[in-house]
Amino acid sequence: MRCAARRTAQRASATGRRVALEPMTPVERKIVHEALKDDPEVETASEGSEPNRFVVVFPRAVAT
């Protein structure tokens, strides 16, 4: 899960666009948020509603 989070962060940073991950459990979302919390290039947010809640990774330059 952490490797997928880092790959997604690299893609978001390289393209300058937000990348949405597939829906996942609260525990899996927490792992993604924790894996990327110290990454200076991206931010994360959870969107959607259960059971289809998912993580979005986006570059800090376009963070709102």
PDB file of N, CA and C in Angstrom:
ATOM      1  N   MET A   1       0.820  -1.192   0.000  1.00  0.00           N
ATOM      2  CA  MET A   1       0.000   0.000   0.000  1.00  0.00           C
ATOM      3  C   MET A   1       0.866   1.259   0.000  1.00  0.00           C
ATOM      4  N   ARG A   2       1.925   1.251   0.783  1.00  0.00           N
ATOM      5  CA  ARG A   2       2.787   2.432   0.851  1.00  0.00           C
ATOM      6  C   ARG A   2       3.513   2.683  -0.461  1.00  0.00           C
ATOM      7  N   CYS A   3       3.919   1.616  -1.145  1.00  0.00           N
ATOM      8  CA  CYS A   3       4.582   1.767  -2.440  1.00  0.00           C
ATOM      9  C   CYS A   3       3.623   2.362  -3.463  1.00  0.00           C
ATOM     10  N   ALA A   4       2.385   1.910  -3.444  1.00  0.00           N
ATOM     11  CA  ALA A   4       1.374   2.450  -4.356  1.00  0.00           C
ATOM     12  C   ALA A   4       1.135   3.923  -4.051  1.00  0.00           C
ATOM     13  N   ALA A   5       1.133   4.288  -2.777  1.00  0.00           N
ATOM     14  CA  ALA A   5       0.948   5.689  -2.393  1.00  0.00           C
ATOM     15  C   ALA A   5       2.089   6.543  -2.926  1.00  0.00           C
ATOM     16  N   ARG A   6       3.294   6.050  -2.810  1.00  0.00           N
ATOM     17  CA  ARG A   6       4.446   6.823  -3.300  1.00  0.00           C
ATOM     18  C   ARG A   6       4.441   6.949  -4.817  1.00  0.00           C
ATOM     19  N   ARG A   7       4.064   5.881  -5.505  1.00  0.00           N
ATOM     20  CA  ARG A   7       3.960   5.948  -6.981  1.00  0.00           C
ATOM     21  C   ARG A   7       2.900   6.961  -7.396  1.00  0.00           C
ATOM     22  N   THR A   8       1.801   6.958  -6.680  1.00  0.00           N
ATOM     23  CA  THR A   8       0.731   7.905  -6.972  1.00  0.00           C
ATOM     24  C   THR A   8       1.199   9.337  -6.706  1.00  0.00           C
ATOM     25  N   ALA A   9       1.942   9.538  -5.638  1.00  0.00           N
ATOM     26  CA  ALA A   9       2.477  10.866  -5.331  1.00  0.00           C
ATOM     27  C   ALA A   9       3.434  11.335  -6.435  1.00  0.00           C
ATOM     28  N   GLN A  10       4.268  10.442  -6.920  1.00  0.00           N
ATOM     29  CA  GLN A  10       5.186  10.798  -8.005  1.00  0.00           C
ATOM     30  C   GLN A  10       4.416  11.184  -9.258  1.00  0.00           C
ATOM     31  N   ARG A  11       3.347  10.444  -9.549  1.00  0.00           N
ATOM     32  CA  ARG A  11       2.537  10.740 -10.735  1.00  0.00           C
ATOM     33  C   ARG A  11       1.843  12.100 -10.587  1.00  0.00           C
ATOM     34  N   ALA A  12       1.284  12.368  -9.421  1.00  0.00           N
ATOM     35  CA  ALA A  12       0.609  13.645  -9.186  1.00  0.00           C
ATOM     36  C   ALA A  12       1.593  14.804  -9.291  1.00  0.00           C
ATOM     37  N   SER A  13       2.767  14.620  -8.736  1.00  0.00           N
ATOM     38  CA  SER A  13       3.788  15.662  -8.780  1.00  0.00           C
ATOM     39  C   SER A  13       4.292  15.887 -10.204  1.00  0.00           C
ATOM     40  N   ALA A  14       4.517  14.817 -10.945  1.00  0.00           N
ATOM     41  CA  ALA A  14       5.041  14.918 -12.309  1.00  0.00           C
ATOM     42  C   ALA A  14       4.035  15.535 -13.270  1.00  0.00           C
ATOM     43  N   THR A  15       2.757  15.204 -13.109  1.00  0.00           N
ATOM     44  CA  THR A  15       1.740  15.698 -14.037  1.00  0.00           C
ATOM     45  C   THR A  15       1.127  17.015 -13.600  1.00  0.00           C
ATOM     46  N   GLY A  16       1.266  17.343 -12.302  1.00  0.00           N
ATOM     47  CA  GLY A  16       0.648  18.559 -11.794  1.00  0.00           C
ATOM     48  C   GLY A  16      -0.864  18.440 -11.643  1.00  0.00           C
ATOM     49  N   ARG A  17      -1.365  17.210 -11.653  1.00  0.00           N
ATOM     50  CA  ARG A  17      -2.805  16.976 -11.567  1.00  0.00           C
ATOM     51  C   ARG A  17      -3.126  16.072 -10.391  1.00  0.00           C
ATOM     52  N   ARG A  18      -4.353  16.166  -9.917  1.00  0.00           N
ATOM     53  CA  ARG A  18      -4.789  15.305  -8.827  1.00  0.00           C
ATOM     54  C   ARG A  18      -4.998  13.886  -9.335  1.00  0.00           C
ATOM     55  N   VAL A  19      -4.707  12.930  -8.473  1.00  0.00           N
ATOM     56  CA  VAL A  19      -4.865  11.518  -8.813  1.00  0.00           C
ATOM     57  C   VAL A  19      -5.746  10.876  -7.749  1.00  0.00           C
ATOM     58  N   ALA A  20      -6.846  10.290  -8.184  1.00  0.00           N
ATOM     59  CA  ALA A  20      -7.764   9.619  -7.259  1.00  0.00           C
ATOM     60  C   ALA A  20      -7.439   8.128  -7.218  1.00  0.00           C
ATOM     61  N   LEU A  21      -7.358   7.599  -6.018  1.00  0.00           N
ATOM     62  CA  LEU A  21      -7.139   6.173  -5.832  1.00  0.00           C
ATOM     63  C   LEU A  21      -8.487   5.461  -5.788  1.00  0.00           C
ATOM     64  N   GLU A  22      -8.459   4.153  -5.883  1.00  0.00           N
ATOM     65  CA  GLU A  22      -9.689   3.364  -5.807  1.00  0.00           C
ATOM     66  C   GLU A  22     -10.280   3.447  -4.404  1.00  0.00           C
ATOM     67  N   PRO A  23     -11.574   3.218  -4.252  1.00  0.00           N
ATOM     68  CA  PRO A  23     -12.174   3.207  -2.919  1.00  0.00           C
ATOM     69  C   PRO A  23     -11.479   2.185  -2.023  1.00  0.00           C
ATOM     70  N   MET A  24     -11.347   2.538  -0.742  1.00  0.00           N
ATOM     71  CA  MET A  24     -10.660   1.660   0.198  1.00  0.00           C
ATOM     72  C   MET A  24     -11.223   1.818   1.598  1.00  0.00           C
ATOM     73  N   THR A  25     -10.831   0.909   2.457  1.00  0.00           N
ATOM     74  CA  THR A  25     -11.304   0.925   3.844  1.00  0.00           C
ATOM     75  C   THR A  25     -10.659   2.087   4.602  1.00  0.00           C
ATOM     76  N   PRO A  26     -11.227   2.453   5.751  1.00  0.00           N
ATOM     77  CA  PRO A  26     -10.626   3.519   6.559  1.00  0.00           C
ATOM     78  C   PRO A  26      -9.166   3.228   6.943  1.00  0.00           C
ATOM     79  N   VAL A  27      -8.862   1.987   7.246  1.00  0.00           N
ATOM     80  CA  VAL A  27      -7.488   1.625   7.625  1.00  0.00           C
ATOM     81  C   VAL A  27      -6.537   1.832   6.446  1.00  0.00           C
ATOM     82  N   GLU A  28      -6.954   1.427   5.267  1.00  0.00           N
ATOM     83  CA  GLU A  28      -6.113   1.600   4.082  1.00  0.00           C
ATOM     84  C   GLU A  28      -5.920   3.087   3.769  1.00  0.00           C
ATOM     85  N   ARG A  29      -6.986   3.875   3.906  1.00  0.00           N
ATOM     86  CA  ARG A  29      -6.858   5.320   3.665  1.00  0.00           C
ATOM     87  C   ARG A  29      -5.874   5.947   4.643  1.00  0.00           C
ATOM     88  N   LYS A  30      -5.943   5.517   5.884  1.00  0.00           N
ATOM     89  CA  LYS A  30      -5.024   6.048   6.903  1.00  0.00           C
ATOM     90  C   LYS A  30      -3.575   5.726   6.543  1.00  0.00           C
ATOM     91  N   ILE A  31      -3.328   4.531   6.041  1.00  0.00           N
ATOM     92  CA  ILE A  31      -1.973   4.150   5.633  1.00  0.00           C
ATOM     93  C   ILE A  31      -1.468   5.082   4.535  1.00  0.00           C
ATOM     94  N   VAL A  32      -2.321   5.377   3.558  1.00  0.00           N
ATOM     95  CA  VAL A  32      -1.930   6.276   2.465  1.00  0.00           C
ATOM     96  C   VAL A  32      -1.642   7.672   3.008  1.00  0.00           C
ATOM     97  N   HIS A  33      -2.542   8.210   3.832  1.00  0.00           N
ATOM     98  CA  HIS A  33      -2.335   9.546   4.401  1.00  0.00           C
ATOM     99  C   HIS A  33      -1.034   9.597   5.204  1.00  0.00           C
ATOM    100  N   GLU A  34      -0.780   8.588   6.016  1.00  0.00           N
ATOM    101  CA  GLU A  34       0.436   8.544   6.834  1.00  0.00           C
ATOM    102  C   GLU A  34       1.693   8.423   5.969  1.00  0.00           C
ATOM    103  N   ALA A  35       1.610   7.624   4.912  1.00  0.00           N
ATOM    104  CA  ALA A  35       2.778   7.420   4.047  1.00  0.00           C
ATOM    105  C   ALA A  35       3.188   8.708   3.335  1.00  0.00           C
ATOM    106  N   LEU A  36       2.222   9.579   3.064  1.00  0.00           N
ATOM    107  CA  LEU A  36       2.508  10.778   2.286  1.00  0.00           C
ATOM    108  C   LEU A  36       2.482  12.076   3.090  1.00  0.00           C
ATOM    109  N   LYS A  37       2.238  12.007   4.391  1.00  0.00           N
ATOM    110  CA  LYS A  37       2.073  13.229   5.175  1.00  0.00           C
ATOM    111  C   LYS A  37       3.312  14.120   5.199  1.00  0.00           C
ATOM    112  N   ASP A  38       4.491  13.548   5.075  1.00  0.00           N
ATOM    113  CA  ASP A  38       5.722  14.343   5.113  1.00  0.00           C
ATOM    114  C   ASP A  38       6.289  14.630   3.727  1.00  0.00           C
ATOM    115  N   ASP A  39       5.576  14.239   2.692  1.00  0.00           N
ATOM    116  CA  ASP A  39       6.034  14.491   1.327  1.00  0.00           C
ATOM    117  C   ASP A  39       5.830  15.975   1.024  1.00  0.00           C
ATOM    118  N   PRO A  40       6.912  16.697   0.737  1.00  0.00           N
ATOM    119  CA  PRO A  40       6.784  18.146   0.518  1.00  0.00           C
ATOM    120  C   PRO A  40       6.101  18.519  -0.794  1.00  0.00           C
ATOM    121  N   GLU A  41       5.916  17.567  -1.686  1.00  0.00           N
ATOM    122  CA  GLU A  41       5.376  17.880  -3.005  1.00  0.00           C
ATOM    123  C   GLU A  41       3.889  17.619  -3.165  1.00  0.00           C
ATOM    124  N   VAL A  42       3.298  16.810  -2.270  1.00  0.00           N
ATOM    125  CA  VAL A  42       1.883  16.462  -2.442  1.00  0.00           C
ATOM    126  C   VAL A  42       1.113  16.560  -1.140  1.00  0.00           C
ATOM    127  N   GLU A  43      -0.209  16.634  -1.271  1.00  0.00           N
ATOM    128  CA  GLU A  43      -1.129  16.576  -0.144  1.00  0.00           C
ATOM    129  C   GLU A  43      -2.148  15.491  -0.445  1.00  0.00           C
ATOM    130  N   THR A  44      -2.847  15.042   0.585  1.00  0.00           N
ATOM    131  CA  THR A  44      -3.872  14.022   0.404  1.00  0.00           C
ATOM    132  C   THR A  44      -5.176  14.494   1.028  1.00  0.00           C
ATOM    133  N   ALA A  45      -6.252  13.955   0.516  1.00  0.00           N
ATOM    134  CA  ALA A  45      -7.576  14.215   1.084  1.00  0.00           C
ATOM    135  C   ALA A  45      -8.455  13.009   0.801  1.00  0.00           C
ATOM    136  N   SER A  46      -9.393  12.749   1.698  1.00  0.00           N
ATOM    137  CA  SER A  46     -10.377  11.693   1.473  1.00  0.00           C
ATOM    138  C   SER A  46     -11.644  12.339   0.924  1.00  0.00           C
ATOM    139  N   GLU A  47     -12.240  11.691  -0.058  1.00  0.00           N
ATOM    140  CA  GLU A  47     -13.468  12.186  -0.672  1.00  0.00           C
ATOM    141  C   GLU A  47     -14.457  11.049  -0.826  1.00  0.00           C
ATOM    142  N   GLY A  48     -15.702  11.398  -1.076  1.00  0.00           N
ATOM    143  CA  GLY A  48     -16.737  10.401  -1.278  1.00  0.00           C
ATOM    144  C   GLY A  48     -17.388  10.008   0.028  1.00  0.00           C
ATOM    145  N   SER A  49     -18.269   9.030  -0.054  1.00  0.00           N
ATOM    146  CA  SER A  49     -18.956   8.551   1.143  1.00  0.00           C
ATOM    147  C   SER A  49     -18.847   7.025   1.194  1.00  0.00           C
ATOM    148  N   GLU A  50     -18.894   6.514   2.411  1.00  0.00           N
ATOM    149  CA  GLU A  50     -18.770   5.071   2.612  1.00  0.00           C
ATOM    150  C   GLU A  50     -19.877   4.349   1.854  1.00  0.00           C
ATOM    151  N   PRO A  51     -19.630   3.231   1.279  1.00  0.00           N
ATOM    152  CA  PRO A  51     -18.382   2.460   1.293  1.00  0.00           C
ATOM    153  C   PRO A  51     -17.451   2.815   0.143  1.00  0.00           C
ATOM    154  N   ASN A  52     -17.725   3.905  -0.548  1.00  0.00           N
ATOM    155  CA  ASN A  52     -16.919   4.273  -1.709  1.00  0.00           C
ATOM    156  C   ASN A  52     -16.011   5.472  -1.447  1.00  0.00           C
ATOM    157  N   ARG A  53     -15.545   5.623  -0.235  1.00  0.00           N
ATOM    158  CA  ARG A  53     -14.641   6.724   0.110  1.00  0.00           C
ATOM    159  C   ARG A  53     -13.259   6.403  -0.429  1.00  0.00           C
ATOM    160  N   PHE A  54     -12.584   7.417  -0.951  1.00  0.00           N
ATOM    161  CA  PHE A  54     -11.279   7.205  -1.586  1.00  0.00           C
ATOM    162  C   PHE A  54     -10.340   8.348  -1.260  1.00  0.00           C
ATOM    163  N   VAL A  55      -9.054   8.149  -1.538  1.00  0.00           N
ATOM    164  CA  VAL A  55      -8.031   9.158  -1.299  1.00  0.00           C
ATOM    165  C   VAL A  55      -7.690   9.829  -2.623  1.00  0.00           C
ATOM    166  N   VAL A  56      -7.510  11.150  -2.538  1.00  0.00           N
ATOM    167  CA  VAL A  56      -7.042  11.925  -3.685  1.00  0.00           C
ATOM    168  C   VAL A  56      -5.684  12.494  -3.305  1.00  0.00           C
ATOM    169  N   VAL A  57      -4.718  12.352  -4.205  1.00  0.00           N
ATOM    170  CA  VAL A  57      -3.374  12.892  -4.010  1.00  0.00           C
ATOM    171  C   VAL A  57      -3.219  14.021  -5.007  1.00  0.00           C
ATOM    172  N   PHE A  58      -2.798  15.199  -4.526  1.00  0.00           N
ATOM    173  CA  PHE A  58      -2.643  16.324  -5.436  1.00  0.00           C
ATOM    174  C   PHE A  58      -1.394  17.123  -5.092  1.00  0.00           C
ATOM    175  N   PRO A  59      -0.805  17.765  -6.104  1.00  0.00           N
ATOM    176  CA  PRO A  59       0.406  18.556  -5.880  1.00  0.00           C
ATOM    177  C   PRO A  59       0.111  19.734  -4.940  1.00  0.00           C
ATOM    178  N   ARG A  60       1.044  20.075  -4.101  1.00  0.00           N
ATOM    179  CA  ARG A  60       0.855  21.194  -3.176  1.00  0.00           C
ATOM    180  C   ARG A  60       0.661  22.507  -3.925  1.00  0.00           C
ATOM    181  N   ALA A  61       1.230  22.666  -5.079  1.00  0.00           N
ATOM    182  CA  ALA A  61       1.123  23.912  -5.836  1.00  0.00           C
ATOM    183  C   ALA A  61      -0.325  24.231  -6.203  1.00  0.00           C
ATOM    184  N   VAL A  62      -1.174  23.205  -6.338  1.00  0.00           N
ATOM    185  CA  VAL A  62      -2.572  23.443  -6.685  1.00  0.00           C
ATOM    186  C   VAL A  62      -3.509  23.107  -5.532  1.00  0.00           C
ATOM    187  N   ALA A  63      -2.963  22.962  -4.334  1.00  0.00           N
ATOM    188  CA  ALA A  63      -3.776  22.628  -3.173  1.00  0.00           C
ATOM    189  C   ALA A  63      -4.717  23.778  -2.853  1.00  0.00           C
ATOM    190  N   THR A  64      -5.947  23.429  -2.480  1.00  0.00           N
ATOM    191  CA  THR A  64      -6.914  24.473  -2.126  1.00  0.00           C
ATOM    192  C   THR A  64      -7.291  24.376  -0.673  1.00  0.00           C
TER     193      THR A  64
END
